[in-house]
Amino acid sequence: RRVTRPLAGEVLEIGFGSGLNVPHYPPAVTRVLAVDPSAGGRRLAA
């Protein structure tokens, strides 16, 4: 919560994993570009 609070605009998250940060993106974030090599992580993030 503390780390994502100041985010705004487009965000690039490298090591997205299962998307644990997703519920914490503030309204000022307009889009997230997520990068992660794990198909298992992407399934969990869905």
PDB file of all heavy atoms in Angstrom:
ATOM      1  N   ARG A   1       0.835  -1.215   0.000  1.00  0.00           N
ATOM      2  CA  ARG A   1       0.000   0.000   0.000  1.00  0.00           C
ATOM      3  C   ARG A   1       0.862   1.254   0.000  1.00  0.00           C
ATOM      4  O   ARG A   1       0.606   2.199  -0.736  1.00  0.00           O
ATOM      5  CB  ARG A   1      -0.924   0.018   1.209  1.00  0.00           C
ATOM      6  CG  ARG A   1      -2.073  -0.922   1.115  1.00  0.00           C
ATOM      7  CD  ARG A   1      -3.019  -0.758   2.304  1.00  0.00           C
ATOM      8  NE  ARG A   1      -4.004  -1.804   2.278  1.00  0.00           N
ATOM      9  CZ  ARG A   1      -4.249  -2.626   3.275  1.00  0.00           C
ATOM     10  NH1 ARG A   1      -3.596  -2.512   4.418  1.00  0.00           N
ATOM     11  NH2 ARG A   1      -5.158  -3.565   3.159  1.00  0.00           N
ATOM     12  N   ARG A   2       1.863   1.248   0.845  1.00  0.00           N
ATOM     13  CA  ARG A   2       2.730   2.421   0.973  1.00  0.00           C
ATOM     14  C   ARG A   2       3.546   2.658  -0.301  1.00  0.00           C
ATOM     15  O   ARG A   2       3.685   3.787  -0.752  1.00  0.00           O
ATOM     16  CB  ARG A   2       3.662   2.232   2.162  1.00  0.00           C
ATOM     17  CG  ARG A   2       4.403   3.484   2.533  1.00  0.00           C
ATOM     18  CD  ARG A   2       5.060   3.412   3.901  1.00  0.00           C
ATOM     19  NE  ARG A   2       5.255   2.102   4.446  1.00  0.00           N
ATOM     20  CZ  ARG A   2       6.450   1.558   4.702  1.00  0.00           C
ATOM     21  NH1 ARG A   2       7.546   2.235   4.474  1.00  0.00           N
ATOM     22  NH2 ARG A   2       6.535   0.352   5.222  1.00  0.00           N
ATOM     23  N   VAL A   3       4.054   1.598  -0.892  1.00  0.00           N
ATOM     24  CA  VAL A   3       4.898   1.723  -2.082  1.00  0.00           C
ATOM     25  C   VAL A   3       4.084   2.119  -3.317  1.00  0.00           C
ATOM     26  O   VAL A   3       4.551   2.882  -4.154  1.00  0.00           O
ATOM     27  CB  VAL A   3       5.667   0.406  -2.326  1.00  0.00           C
ATOM     28  CG1 VAL A   3       6.342   0.386  -3.665  1.00  0.00           C
ATOM     29  CG2 VAL A   3       6.682   0.180  -1.215  1.00  0.00           C
ATOM     30  N   THR A   4       2.874   1.617  -3.433  1.00  0.00           N
ATOM     31  CA  THR A   4       2.068   1.918  -4.625  1.00  0.00           C
ATOM     32  C   THR A   4       1.317   3.241  -4.524  1.00  0.00           C
ATOM     33  O   THR A   4       0.897   3.788  -5.543  1.00  0.00           O
ATOM     34  CB  THR A   4       1.054   0.788  -4.903  1.00  0.00           C
ATOM     35  OG1 THR A   4       0.221   0.607  -3.756  1.00  0.00           O
ATOM     36  CG2 THR A   4       1.758  -0.517  -5.249  1.00  0.00           C
ATOM     37  N   ARG A   5       1.148   3.769  -3.340  1.00  0.00           N
ATOM     38  CA  ARG A   5       0.368   5.002  -3.125  1.00  0.00           C
ATOM     39  C   ARG A   5       0.777   6.152  -4.045  1.00  0.00           C
ATOM     40  O   ARG A   5      -0.088   6.819  -4.609  1.00  0.00           O
ATOM     41  CB  ARG A   5       0.457   5.426  -1.662  1.00  0.00           C
ATOM     42  CG  ARG A   5      -0.531   6.510  -1.278  1.00  0.00           C
ATOM     43  CD  ARG A   5      -0.527   6.781   0.224  1.00  0.00           C
ATOM     44  NE  ARG A   5      -0.963   5.592   0.953  1.00  0.00           N
ATOM     45  CZ  ARG A   5      -0.314   5.048   1.981  1.00  0.00           C
ATOM     46  NH1 ARG A   5       0.791   5.585   2.431  1.00  0.00           N
ATOM     47  NH2 ARG A   5      -0.785   3.969   2.575  1.00  0.00           N
ATOM     48  N   PRO A   6       2.070   6.439  -4.263  1.00  0.00           N
ATOM     49  CA  PRO A   6       2.427   7.597  -5.099  1.00  0.00           C
ATOM     50  C   PRO A   6       2.410   7.320  -6.608  1.00  0.00           C
ATOM     51  O   PRO A   6       2.675   8.234  -7.399  1.00  0.00           O
ATOM     52  CB  PRO A   6       3.839   7.951  -4.629  1.00  0.00           C
ATOM     53  CG  PRO A   6       4.404   6.679  -4.111  1.00  0.00           C
ATOM     54  CD  PRO A   6       3.225   5.911  -3.554  1.00  0.00           C
ATOM     55  N   LEU A   7       2.079   6.119  -7.029  1.00  0.00           N
ATOM     56  CA  LEU A   7       2.103   5.804  -8.456  1.00  0.00           C
ATOM     57  C   LEU A   7       1.027   6.570  -9.220  1.00  0.00           C
ATOM     58  O   LEU A   7      -0.063   6.806  -8.704  1.00  0.00           O
ATOM     59  CB  LEU A   7       1.913   4.307  -8.674  1.00  0.00           C
ATOM     60  CG  LEU A   7       2.992   3.395  -8.100  1.00  0.00           C
ATOM     61  CD1 LEU A   7       2.611   1.939  -8.316  1.00  0.00           C
ATOM     62  CD2 LEU A   7       4.343   3.704  -8.704  1.00  0.00           C
ATOM     63  N   ALA A   8       1.366   6.912 -10.478  1.00  0.00           N
ATOM     64  CA  ALA A   8       0.411   7.613 -11.335  1.00  0.00           C
ATOM     65  C   ALA A   8       0.762   7.331 -12.790  1.00  0.00           C
ATOM     66  O   ALA A   8       1.899   6.986 -13.117  1.00  0.00           O
ATOM     67  CB  ALA A   8       0.460   9.112 -11.065  1.00  0.00           C
ATOM     68  N   GLY A   9      -0.223   7.462 -13.665  1.00  0.00           N
ATOM     69  CA  GLY A   9      -0.004   7.268 -15.094  1.00  0.00           C
ATOM     70  C   GLY A   9       0.204   5.808 -15.434  1.00  0.00           C
ATOM     71  O   GLY A   9      -0.378   4.915 -14.815  1.00  0.00           O
ATOM     72  N   GLU A  10       1.041   5.559 -16.445  1.00  0.00           N
ATOM     73  CA  GLU A  10       1.352   4.186 -16.833  1.00  0.00           C
ATOM     74  C   GLU A  10       2.465   3.648 -15.952  1.00  0.00           C
ATOM     75  O   GLU A  10       3.457   4.327 -15.702  1.00  0.00           O
ATOM     76  CB  GLU A  10       1.776   4.129 -18.302  1.00  0.00           C
ATOM     77  CG  GLU A  10       0.642   4.385 -19.249  1.00  0.00           C
ATOM     78  CD  GLU A  10       1.033   4.140 -20.690  1.00  0.00           C
ATOM     79  OE1 GLU A  10       2.219   3.913 -20.987  1.00  0.00           O
ATOM     80  OE2 GLU A  10       0.139   4.185 -21.522  1.00  0.00           O
ATOM     81  N   VAL A  11       2.286   2.409 -15.502  1.00  0.00           N
ATOM     82  CA  VAL A  11       3.249   1.769 -14.613  1.00  0.00           C
ATOM     83  C   VAL A  11       3.772   0.513 -15.293  1.00  0.00           C
ATOM     84  O   VAL A  11       2.988  -0.269 -15.839  1.00  0.00           O
ATOM     85  CB  VAL A  11       2.580   1.400 -13.263  1.00  0.00           C
ATOM     86  CG1 VAL A  11       3.503   0.568 -12.402  1.00  0.00           C
ATOM     87  CG2 VAL A  11       2.134   2.655 -12.539  1.00  0.00           C
ATOM     88  N   LEU A  12       5.080   0.320 -15.268  1.00  0.00           N
ATOM     89  CA  LEU A  12       5.701  -0.908 -15.744  1.00  0.00           C
ATOM     90  C   LEU A  12       6.109  -1.712 -14.522  1.00  0.00           C
ATOM     91  O   LEU A  12       6.924  -1.262 -13.723  1.00  0.00           O
ATOM     92  CB  LEU A  12       6.929  -0.599 -16.604  1.00  0.00           C
ATOM     93  CG  LEU A  12       7.802  -1.800 -16.991  1.00  0.00           C
ATOM     94  CD1 LEU A  12       7.002  -2.809 -17.815  1.00  0.00           C
ATOM     95  CD2 LEU A  12       9.031  -1.317 -17.744  1.00  0.00           C
ATOM     96  N   GLU A  13       5.518  -2.880 -14.362  1.00  0.00           N
ATOM     97  CA  GLU A  13       5.866  -3.732 -13.228  1.00  0.00           C
ATOM     98  C   GLU A  13       6.597  -4.964 -13.748  1.00  0.00           C
ATOM     99  O   GLU A  13       6.010  -5.838 -14.384  1.00  0.00           O
ATOM    100  CB  GLU A  13       4.619  -4.139 -12.434  1.00  0.00           C
ATOM    101  CG  GLU A  13       5.001  -4.863 -11.175  1.00  0.00           C
ATOM    102  CD  GLU A  13       3.855  -5.112 -10.223  1.00  0.00           C
ATOM    103  OE1 GLU A  13       2.821  -4.426 -10.311  1.00  0.00           O
ATOM    104  OE2 GLU A  13       4.003  -6.016  -9.383  1.00  0.00           O
ATOM    105  N   ILE A  14       7.880  -5.007 -13.469  1.00  0.00           N
ATOM    106  CA  ILE A  14       8.723  -6.133 -13.876  1.00  0.00           C
ATOM    107  C   ILE A  14       8.765  -7.107 -12.709  1.00  0.00           C
ATOM    108  O   ILE A  14       9.062  -6.723 -11.583  1.00  0.00           O
ATOM    109  CB  ILE A  14      10.131  -5.649 -14.257  1.00  0.00           C
ATOM    110  CG1 ILE A  14      10.022  -4.692 -15.448  1.00  0.00           C
ATOM    111  CG2 ILE A  14      11.041  -6.824 -14.585  1.00  0.00           C
ATOM    112  CD1 ILE A  14      11.300  -3.994 -15.800  1.00  0.00           C
ATOM    113  N   GLY A  15       8.458  -8.370 -12.992  1.00  0.00           N
ATOM    114  CA  GLY A  15       8.333  -9.356 -11.922  1.00  0.00           C
ATOM    115  C   GLY A  15       6.934  -9.316 -11.335  1.00  0.00           C
ATOM    116  O   GLY A  15       6.741  -9.365 -10.135  1.00  0.00           O
ATOM    117  N   PHE A  16       5.947  -9.215 -12.204  1.00  0.00           N
ATOM    118  CA  PHE A  16       4.543  -9.056 -11.821  1.00  0.00           C
ATOM    119  C   PHE A  16       4.035 -10.224 -10.988  1.00  0.00           C
ATOM    120  O   PHE A  16       3.192 -10.055 -10.108  1.00  0.00           O
ATOM    121  CB  PHE A  16       3.702  -8.903 -13.097  1.00  0.00           C
ATOM    122  CG  PHE A  16       2.266  -8.594 -12.866  1.00  0.00           C
ATOM    123  CD1 PHE A  16       1.877  -7.333 -12.480  1.00  0.00           C
ATOM    124  CD2 PHE A  16       1.304  -9.571 -13.055  1.00  0.00           C
ATOM    125  CE1 PHE A  16       0.532  -7.037 -12.283  1.00  0.00           C
ATOM    126  CE2 PHE A  16      -0.040  -9.290 -12.870  1.00  0.00           C
ATOM    127  CZ  PHE A  16      -0.423  -8.018 -12.481  1.00  0.00           C
ATOM    128  N   GLY A  17       4.524 -11.408 -11.252  1.00  0.00           N
ATOM    129  CA  GLY A  17       4.126 -12.593 -10.486  1.00  0.00           C
ATOM    130  C   GLY A  17       2.636 -12.844 -10.528  1.00  0.00           C
ATOM    131  O   GLY A  17       2.009 -12.832 -11.588  1.00  0.00           O
ATOM    132  N   SER A  18       2.035 -13.018  -9.356  1.00  0.00           N
ATOM    133  CA  SER A  18       0.608 -13.326  -9.268  1.00  0.00           C
ATOM    134  C   SER A  18      -0.246 -12.071  -9.105  1.00  0.00           C
ATOM    135  O   SER A  18      -1.426 -12.168  -8.797  1.00  0.00           O
ATOM    136  CB  SER A  18       0.357 -14.285  -8.101  1.00  0.00           C
ATOM    137  OG  SER A  18       0.750 -13.677  -6.886  1.00  0.00           O
ATOM    138  N   GLY A  19       0.352 -10.913  -9.300  1.00  0.00           N
ATOM    139  CA  GLY A  19      -0.423  -9.668  -9.277  1.00  0.00           C
ATOM    140  C   GLY A  19      -0.791  -9.172  -7.893  1.00  0.00           C
ATOM    141  O   GLY A  19      -1.814  -8.509  -7.727  1.00  0.00           O
ATOM    142  N   LEU A  20       0.038  -9.456  -6.904  1.00  0.00           N
ATOM    143  CA  LEU A  20      -0.288  -9.039  -5.542  1.00  0.00           C
ATOM    144  C   LEU A  20      -0.386  -7.521  -5.381  1.00  0.00           C
ATOM    145  O   LEU A  20      -1.055  -7.040  -4.465  1.00  0.00           O
ATOM    146  CB  LEU A  20       0.743  -9.599  -4.552  1.00  0.00           C
ATOM    147  CG  LEU A  20       0.654 -11.102  -4.300  1.00  0.00           C
ATOM    148  CD1 LEU A  20       1.863 -11.584  -3.502  1.00  0.00           C
ATOM    149  CD2 LEU A  20      -0.635 -11.457  -3.585  1.00  0.00           C
ATOM    150  N   ASN A  21       0.243  -6.755  -6.266  1.00  0.00           N
ATOM    151  CA  ASN A  21       0.158  -5.295  -6.163  1.00  0.00           C
ATOM    152  C   ASN A  21      -1.138  -4.737  -6.754  1.00  0.00           C
ATOM    153  O   ASN A  21      -1.526  -3.610  -6.444  1.00  0.00           O
ATOM    154  CB  ASN A  21       1.342  -4.620  -6.866  1.00  0.00           C
ATOM    155  CG  ASN A  21       2.634  -4.816  -6.117  1.00  0.00           C
ATOM    156  OD1 ASN A  21       2.642  -4.999  -4.908  1.00  0.00           O
ATOM    157  ND2 ASN A  21       3.734  -4.782  -6.837  1.00  0.00           N
ATOM    158  N   VAL A  22      -1.798  -5.497  -7.583  1.00  0.00           N
ATOM    159  CA  VAL A  22      -2.970  -5.000  -8.323  1.00  0.00           C
ATOM    160  C   VAL A  22      -4.025  -4.335  -7.433  1.00  0.00           C
ATOM    161  O   VAL A  22      -4.474  -3.234  -7.742  1.00  0.00           O
ATOM    162  CB  VAL A  22      -3.594  -6.115  -9.199  1.00  0.00           C
ATOM    163  CG1 VAL A  22      -4.917  -5.686  -9.784  1.00  0.00           C
ATOM    164  CG2 VAL A  22      -2.632  -6.513 -10.304  1.00  0.00           C
ATOM    165  N   PRO A  23      -4.427  -4.929  -6.323  1.00  0.00           N
ATOM    166  CA  PRO A  23      -5.467  -4.276  -5.510  1.00  0.00           C
ATOM    167  C   PRO A  23      -5.028  -2.958  -4.873  1.00  0.00           C
ATOM    168  O   PRO A  23      -5.857  -2.220  -4.362  1.00  0.00           O
ATOM    169  CB  PRO A  23      -5.774  -5.304  -4.414  1.00  0.00           C
ATOM    170  CG  PRO A  23      -5.198  -6.584  -4.878  1.00  0.00           C
ATOM    171  CD  PRO A  23      -4.084  -6.249  -5.814  1.00  0.00           C
ATOM    172  N   HIS A  24      -3.753  -2.667  -4.949  1.00  0.00           N
ATOM    173  CA  HIS A  24      -3.224  -1.479  -4.273  1.00  0.00           C
ATOM    174  C   HIS A  24      -2.903  -0.316  -5.215  1.00  0.00           C
ATOM    175  O   HIS A  24      -2.494   0.738  -4.741  1.00  0.00           O
ATOM    176  CB  HIS A  24      -1.976  -1.865  -3.467  1.00  0.00           C
ATOM    177  CG  HIS A  24      -2.227  -3.000  -2.535  1.00  0.00           C
ATOM    178  ND1 HIS A  24      -3.041  -2.887  -1.415  1.00  0.00           N
ATOM    179  CD2 HIS A  24      -1.829  -4.288  -2.576  1.00  0.00           C
ATOM    180  CE1 HIS A  24      -3.105  -4.053  -0.816  1.00  0.00           C
ATOM    181  NE2 HIS A  24      -2.383  -4.920  -1.499  1.00  0.00           N
ATOM    182  N   TYR A  25      -3.100  -0.500  -6.510  1.00  0.00           N
ATOM    183  CA  TYR A  25      -2.839   0.608  -7.429  1.00  0.00           C
ATOM    184  C   TYR A  25      -3.821   1.731  -7.134  1.00  0.00           C
ATOM    185  O   TYR A  25      -5.029   1.505  -7.059  1.00  0.00           O
ATOM    186  CB  TYR A  25      -3.005   0.192  -8.890  1.00  0.00           C
ATOM    187  CG  TYR A  25      -2.029  -0.853  -9.373  1.00  0.00           C
ATOM    188  CD1 TYR A  25      -2.465  -1.915 -10.144  1.00  0.00           C
ATOM    189  CD2 TYR A  25      -0.679  -0.776  -9.081  1.00  0.00           C
ATOM    190  CE1 TYR A  25      -1.587  -2.866 -10.608  1.00  0.00           C
ATOM    191  CE2 TYR A  25       0.198  -1.737  -9.536  1.00  0.00           C
ATOM    192  CZ  TYR A  25      -0.247  -2.778 -10.300  1.00  0.00           C
ATOM    193  OH  TYR A  25       0.609  -3.726 -10.760  1.00  0.00           O
ATOM    194  N   PRO A  26      -3.330   2.953  -6.981  1.00  0.00           N
ATOM    195  CA  PRO A  26      -4.234   4.073  -6.715  1.00  0.00           C
ATOM    196  C   PRO A  26      -5.003   4.481  -7.973  1.00  0.00           C
ATOM    197  O   PRO A  26      -4.621   4.110  -9.088  1.00  0.00           O
ATOM    198  CB  PRO A  26      -3.287   5.181  -6.259  1.00  0.00           C
ATOM    199  CG  PRO A  26      -1.991   4.858  -6.906  1.00  0.00           C
ATOM    200  CD  PRO A  26      -1.928   3.359  -6.986  1.00  0.00           C
ATOM    201  N   PRO A  27      -6.059   5.255  -7.826  1.00  0.00           N
ATOM    202  CA  PRO A  27      -6.853   5.688  -8.983  1.00  0.00           C
ATOM    203  C   PRO A  27      -6.045   6.474 -10.022  1.00  0.00           C
ATOM    204  O   PRO A  27      -6.433   6.530 -11.182  1.00  0.00           O
ATOM    205  CB  PRO A  27      -7.937   6.568  -8.362  1.00  0.00           C
ATOM    206  CG  PRO A  27      -8.035   6.127  -6.941  1.00  0.00           C
ATOM    207  CD  PRO A  27      -6.651   5.673  -6.560  1.00  0.00           C
ATOM    208  N   ALA A  28      -4.933   7.066  -9.617  1.00  0.00           N
ATOM    209  CA  ALA A  28      -4.111   7.845 -10.557  1.00  0.00           C
ATOM    210  C   ALA A  28      -3.373   6.964 -11.563  1.00  0.00           C
ATOM    211  O   ALA A  28      -2.853   7.461 -12.564  1.00  0.00           O
ATOM    212  CB  ALA A  28      -3.114   8.704  -9.781  1.00  0.00           C
ATOM    213  N   VAL A  29      -3.324   5.661 -11.348  1.00  0.00           N
ATOM    214  CA  VAL A  29      -2.685   4.751 -12.306  1.00  0.00           C
ATOM    215  C   VAL A  29      -3.677   4.502 -13.442  1.00  0.00           C
ATOM    216  O   VAL A  29      -4.815   4.090 -13.212  1.00  0.00           O
ATOM    217  CB  VAL A  29      -2.271   3.426 -11.627  1.00  0.00           C
ATOM    218  CG1 VAL A  29      -1.795   2.422 -12.662  1.00  0.00           C
ATOM    219  CG2 VAL A  29      -1.192   3.678 -10.592  1.00  0.00           C
ATOM    220  N   THR A  30      -3.224   4.768 -14.665  1.00  0.00           N
ATOM    221  CA  THR A  30      -4.110   4.629 -15.822  1.00  0.00           C
ATOM    222  C   THR A  30      -3.954   3.298 -16.554  1.00  0.00           C
ATOM    223  O   THR A  30      -4.869   2.858 -17.234  1.00  0.00           O
ATOM    224  CB  THR A  30      -3.856   5.765 -16.822  1.00  0.00           C
ATOM    225  OG1 THR A  30      -2.477   5.737 -17.229  1.00  0.00           O
ATOM    226  CG2 THR A  30      -4.202   7.113 -16.216  1.00  0.00           C
ATOM    227  N   ARG A  31      -2.774   2.680 -16.404  1.00  0.00           N
ATOM    228  CA  ARG A  31      -2.532   1.404 -17.069  1.00  0.00           C
ATOM    229  C   ARG A  31      -1.290   0.773 -16.467  1.00  0.00           C
ATOM    230  O   ARG A  31      -0.360   1.472 -16.071  1.00  0.00           O
ATOM    231  CB  ARG A  31      -2.320   1.614 -18.568  1.00  0.00           C
ATOM    232  CG  ARG A  31      -2.107   0.330 -19.347  1.00  0.00           C
ATOM    233  CD  ARG A  31      -2.179   0.559 -20.829  1.00  0.00           C
ATOM    234  NE  ARG A  31      -0.930   1.099 -21.325  1.00  0.00           N
ATOM    235  CZ  ARG A  31      -0.478   0.914 -22.563  1.00  0.00           C
ATOM    236  NH1 ARG A  31      -1.212   0.257 -23.433  1.00  0.00           N
ATOM    237  NH2 ARG A  31       0.661   1.423 -22.934  1.00  0.00           N
ATOM    238  N   VAL A  32      -1.285  -0.556 -16.411  1.00  0.00           N
ATOM    239  CA  VAL A  32      -0.126  -1.287 -15.910  1.00  0.00           C
ATOM    240  C   VAL A  32       0.357  -2.228 -17.007  1.00  0.00           C
ATOM    241  O   VAL A  32      -0.437  -2.989 -17.572  1.00  0.00           O
ATOM    242  CB  VAL A  32      -0.471  -2.102 -14.641  1.00  0.00           C
ATOM    243  CG1 VAL A  32       0.714  -2.938 -14.198  1.00  0.00           C
ATOM    244  CG2 VAL A  32      -0.919  -1.174 -13.529  1.00  0.00           C
ATOM    245  N   LEU A  33       1.631  -2.136 -17.303  1.00  0.00           N
ATOM    246  CA  LEU A  33       2.280  -3.077 -18.218  1.00  0.00           C
ATOM    247  C   LEU A  33       2.987  -4.090 -17.331  1.00  0.00           C
ATOM    248  O   LEU A  33       3.877  -3.738 -16.558  1.00  0.00           O
ATOM    249  CB  LEU A  33       3.267  -2.357 -19.130  1.00  0.00           C
ATOM    250  CG  LEU A  33       2.670  -1.214 -19.937  1.00  0.00           C
ATOM    251  CD1 LEU A  33       3.752  -0.429 -20.648  1.00  0.00           C
ATOM    252  CD2 LEU A  33       1.660  -1.748 -20.922  1.00  0.00           C
ATOM    253  N   ALA A  34       2.568  -5.334 -17.396  1.00  0.00           N
ATOM    254  CA  ALA A  34       3.063  -6.372 -16.491  1.00  0.00           C
ATOM    255  C   ALA A  34       3.965  -7.339 -17.235  1.00  0.00           C
ATOM    256  O   ALA A  34       3.599  -7.837 -18.305  1.00  0.00           O
ATOM    257  CB  ALA A  34       1.879  -7.122 -15.895  1.00  0.00           C
ATOM    258  N   VAL A  35       5.132  -7.609 -16.655  1.00  0.00           N
ATOM    259  CA  VAL A  35       6.095  -8.528 -17.253  1.00  0.00           C
ATOM    260  C   VAL A  35       6.452  -9.600 -16.234  1.00  0.00           C
ATOM    261  O   VAL A  35       6.841  -9.279 -15.108  1.00  0.00           O
ATOM    262  CB  VAL A  35       7.379  -7.770 -17.676  1.00  0.00           C
ATOM    263  CG1 VAL A  35       8.400  -8.730 -18.264  1.00  0.00           C
ATOM    264  CG2 VAL A  35       7.054  -6.656 -18.648  1.00  0.00           C
ATOM    265  N   ASP A  36       6.291 -10.849 -16.625  1.00  0.00           N
ATOM    266  CA  ASP A  36       6.712 -11.958 -15.773  1.00  0.00           C
ATOM    267  C   ASP A  36       6.842 -13.205 -16.643  1.00  0.00           C
ATOM    268  O   ASP A  36       5.949 -13.473 -17.460  1.00  0.00           O
ATOM    269  CB  ASP A  36       5.713 -12.218 -14.648  1.00  0.00           C
ATOM    270  CG  ASP A  36       6.365 -13.022 -13.532  1.00  0.00           C
ATOM    271  OD1 ASP A  36       6.572 -14.234 -13.702  1.00  0.00           O
ATOM    272  OD2 ASP A  36       6.693 -12.404 -12.504  1.00  0.00           O
ATOM    273  N   PRO A  37       7.916 -13.964 -16.483  1.00  0.00           N
ATOM    274  CA  PRO A  37       8.098 -15.154 -17.316  1.00  0.00           C
ATOM    275  C   PRO A  37       7.272 -16.354 -16.882  1.00  0.00           C
ATOM    276  O   PRO A  37       7.166 -17.328 -17.620  1.00  0.00           O
ATOM    277  CB  PRO A  37       9.593 -15.457 -17.167  1.00  0.00           C
ATOM    278  CG  PRO A  37       9.929 -14.945 -15.807  1.00  0.00           C
ATOM    279  CD  PRO A  37       9.061 -13.717 -15.620  1.00  0.00           C
ATOM    280  N   SER A  38       6.659 -16.312 -15.712  1.00  0.00           N
ATOM    281  CA  SER A  38       5.979 -17.481 -15.168  1.00  0.00           C
ATOM    282  C   SER A  38       4.525 -17.580 -15.626  1.00  0.00           C
ATOM    283  O   SER A  38       3.691 -16.753 -15.262  1.00  0.00           O
ATOM    284  CB  SER A  38       6.011 -17.430 -13.636  1.00  0.00           C
ATOM    285  OG  SER A  38       5.186 -18.433 -13.095  1.00  0.00           O
ATOM    286  N   ALA A  39       4.223 -18.613 -16.380  1.00  0.00           N
ATOM    287  CA  ALA A  39       2.835 -18.853 -16.786  1.00  0.00           C
ATOM    288  C   ALA A  39       1.970 -19.160 -15.564  1.00  0.00           C
ATOM    289  O   ALA A  39       0.811 -18.757 -15.498  1.00  0.00           O
ATOM    290  CB  ALA A  39       2.769 -20.011 -17.783  1.00  0.00           C
ATOM    291  N   GLY A  40       2.547 -19.832 -14.573  1.00  0.00           N
ATOM    292  CA  GLY A  40       1.813 -20.125 -13.339  1.00  0.00           C
ATOM    293  C   GLY A  40       1.446 -18.849 -12.604  1.00  0.00           C
ATOM    294  O   GLY A  40       0.334 -18.713 -12.096  1.00  0.00           O
ATOM    295  N   GLY A  41       2.370 -17.906 -12.545  1.00  0.00           N
ATOM    296  CA  GLY A  41       2.087 -16.618 -11.921  1.00  0.00           C
ATOM    297  C   GLY A  41       0.999 -15.876 -12.661  1.00  0.00           C
ATOM    298  O   GLY A  41       0.105 -15.272 -12.050  1.00  0.00           O
ATOM    299  N   ARG A  42       1.047 -15.923 -13.978  1.00  0.00           N
ATOM    300  CA  ARG A  42       0.015 -15.243 -14.783  1.00  0.00           C
ATOM    301  C   ARG A  42      -1.355 -15.863 -14.544  1.00  0.00           C
ATOM    302  O   ARG A  42      -2.355 -15.156 -14.477  1.00  0.00           O
ATOM    303  CB  ARG A  42       0.391 -15.279 -16.268  1.00  0.00           C
ATOM    304  CG  ARG A  42       1.595 -14.392 -16.587  1.00  0.00           C
ATOM    305  CD  ARG A  42       1.804 -14.209 -18.074  1.00  0.00           C
ATOM    306  NE  ARG A  42       2.025 -15.448 -18.804  1.00  0.00           N
ATOM    307  CZ  ARG A  42       3.221 -15.988 -19.014  1.00  0.00           C
ATOM    308  NH1 ARG A  42       4.307 -15.416 -18.535  1.00  0.00           N
ATOM    309  NH2 ARG A  42       3.349 -17.104 -19.715  1.00  0.00           N
ATOM    310  N   ARG A  43      -1.409 -17.175 -14.387  1.00  0.00           N
ATOM    311  CA  ARG A  43      -2.696 -17.827 -14.088  1.00  0.00           C
ATOM    312  C   ARG A  43      -3.231 -17.358 -12.731  1.00  0.00           C
ATOM    313  O   ARG A  43      -4.415 -17.075 -12.588  1.00  0.00           O
ATOM    314  CB  ARG A  43      -2.555 -19.348 -14.101  1.00  0.00           C
ATOM    315  CG  ARG A  43      -2.524 -19.950 -15.500  1.00  0.00           C
ATOM    316  CD  ARG A  43      -2.661 -21.461 -15.458  1.00  0.00           C
ATOM    317  NE  ARG A  43      -1.590 -22.122 -14.736  1.00  0.00           N
ATOM    318  CZ  ARG A  43      -0.415 -22.462 -15.266  1.00  0.00           C
ATOM    319  NH1 ARG A  43      -0.153 -22.202 -16.525  1.00  0.00           N
ATOM    320  NH2 ARG A  43       0.494 -23.072 -14.525  1.00  0.00           N
ATOM    321  N   LEU A  44      -2.354 -17.268 -11.744  1.00  0.00           N
ATOM    322  CA  LEU A  44      -2.773 -16.816 -10.417  1.00  0.00           C
ATOM    323  C   LEU A  44      -3.204 -15.352 -10.443  1.00  0.00           C
ATOM    324  O   LEU A  44      -4.059 -14.934  -9.666  1.00  0.00           O
ATOM    325  CB  LEU A  44      -1.639 -16.998  -9.405  1.00  0.00           C
ATOM    326  CG  LEU A  44      -1.296 -18.438  -9.033  1.00  0.00           C
ATOM    327  CD1 LEU A  44      -0.036 -18.476  -8.178  1.00  0.00           C
ATOM    328  CD2 LEU A  44      -2.448 -19.096  -8.315  1.00  0.00           C
ATOM    329  N   ALA A  45      -2.611 -14.575 -11.323  1.00  0.00           N
ATOM    330  CA  ALA A  45      -2.930 -13.142 -11.406  1.00  0.00           C
ATOM    331  C   ALA A  45      -4.250 -12.869 -12.123  1.00  0.00           C
ATOM    332  O   ALA A  45      -4.821 -11.799 -11.971  1.00  0.00           O
ATOM    333  CB  ALA A  45      -1.811 -12.398 -12.137  1.00  0.00           C
ATOM    334  N   ALA A  46      -4.759 -13.815 -12.872  1.00  0.00           N
ATOM    335  CA  ALA A  46      -5.939 -13.596 -13.717  1.00  0.00           C
ATOM    336  C   ALA A  46      -7.119 -13.020 -12.946  1.00  0.00           C
ATOM    337  O   ALA A  46      -7.780 -12.089 -13.412  1.00  0.00           O
ATOM    338  CB  ALA A  46      -6.333 -14.874 -14.436  1.00  0.00           C
TER     339      ALA A  46
END
